[in-house]
Amino acid sequence: MLGFYIFVGQWKTTTLEPNKIEVEYAYELHSSMLVQYLINWLFPKLFWNIYVKRVLENIREMVDNNEPYLYE
């Protein structure tokens, strides 16, 4: 997709205090297509950041509704 050949993503959770968890998400997208550099730069900056924010919001809603959510 868009010339990306490697995607590396990692979640990190840190318990700050009881019932409070910090979630950090880091990712790297590797592309071999120099011609599409601008598109390859914009994709993670726009689409992927929006996607990750939605995922974190969904997790927050699950926790607020006392739905089970396991993490390590």
Protein backbone atom coordinates (compact mmCIF):
# COMPACT_ATOMS: atom_id res chain seq x y z
CA MET A 1 0.00 0.00 0.00
CA LEU A 2 1.51 3.31 -1.14
CA GLY A 3 4.92 1.66 -1.45
CA PHE A 4 5.29 0.82 2.23
CA TYR A 5 7.10 -2.46 2.77
CA ILE A 6 7.58 -2.51 6.55
CA PHE A 7 5.27 -1.39 9.33
CA VAL A 8 6.50 -1.50 12.92
CA GLY A 9 4.15 -0.51 15.73
CA GLN A 10 4.47 -0.80 19.48
CA TRP A 11 2.13 -0.13 22.40
CA LYS A 12 3.56 0.78 25.78
CA THR A 13 1.35 0.94 28.84
CA THR A 14 2.38 2.47 32.14
CA THR A 15 0.30 2.38 35.31
CA LEU A 16 0.44 5.89 36.73
CA GLU A 17 -1.82 5.30 39.73
CA PRO A 18 -4.78 3.06 40.53
CA ASN A 19 -7.31 3.22 37.68
CA LYS A 20 -5.03 5.45 35.58
CA ILE A 21 -2.95 4.05 32.73
CA GLU A 22 -0.83 5.91 30.21
CA VAL A 23 -0.80 4.40 26.72
CA GLU A 24 1.96 5.34 24.30
CA TYR A 25 1.98 4.21 20.71
CA ALA A 26 4.95 4.49 18.37
CA TYR A 27 5.12 3.38 14.77
CA GLU A 28 7.42 3.41 11.78
CA LEU A 29 6.49 3.04 8.13
CA HIS A 30 9.28 2.18 5.69
CA SER A 31 8.96 2.93 1.99
CA SER A 32 11.22 2.32 -0.97
CA MET A 33 9.47 4.77 -3.30
CA LEU A 34 11.30 8.09 -3.28
CA VAL A 35 8.98 9.49 -5.98
CA GLN A 36 6.01 9.21 -3.62
CA TYR A 37 7.84 10.74 -0.66
CA LEU A 38 5.27 13.47 0.00
CA ILE A 39 2.36 11.03 -0.06
CA ASN A 40 4.29 8.60 2.11
CA TRP A 41 5.02 11.38 4.59
CA LEU A 42 1.43 12.69 4.67
CA PHE A 43 -0.21 9.28 5.11
CA PRO A 44 1.10 8.56 8.61
CA LYS A 45 0.88 12.21 9.67
CA LEU A 46 -2.78 12.51 8.73
CA PHE A 47 -4.49 9.13 8.45
CA TRP A 48 -2.53 7.04 10.93
CA ASN A 49 -2.50 9.66 13.70
CA ILE A 50 -6.28 10.05 13.37
CA TYR A 51 -6.71 6.26 13.43
CA VAL A 52 -4.60 5.84 16.59
CA LYS A 53 -6.49 8.64 18.36
CA ARG A 54 -9.78 6.87 17.57
CA VAL A 55 -8.43 3.57 18.88
CA LEU A 56 -7.34 5.23 22.13
CA GLU A 57 -10.74 6.90 22.45
CA ASN A 58 -12.46 3.52 21.97
CA ILE A 59 -10.27 2.03 24.71
CA ARG A 60 -11.14 4.96 26.99
CA GLU A 61 -14.86 4.34 26.40
CA MET A 62 -14.44 0.64 27.16
CA VAL A 63 -12.76 1.48 30.44
CA ASP A 64 -15.38 4.09 31.33
CA ASN A 65 -18.11 1.48 30.71
CA ASN A 66 -16.27 -1.09 32.86
CA GLU A 67 -15.80 -3.39 29.89
CA PRO A 68 -12.88 -5.79 30.26
CA TYR A 69 -9.64 -4.65 28.64
CA LEU A 70 -6.48 -6.66 29.11
CA TYR A 71 -3.04 -5.22 28.62
CA GLU A 72 0.51 -6.25 29.43
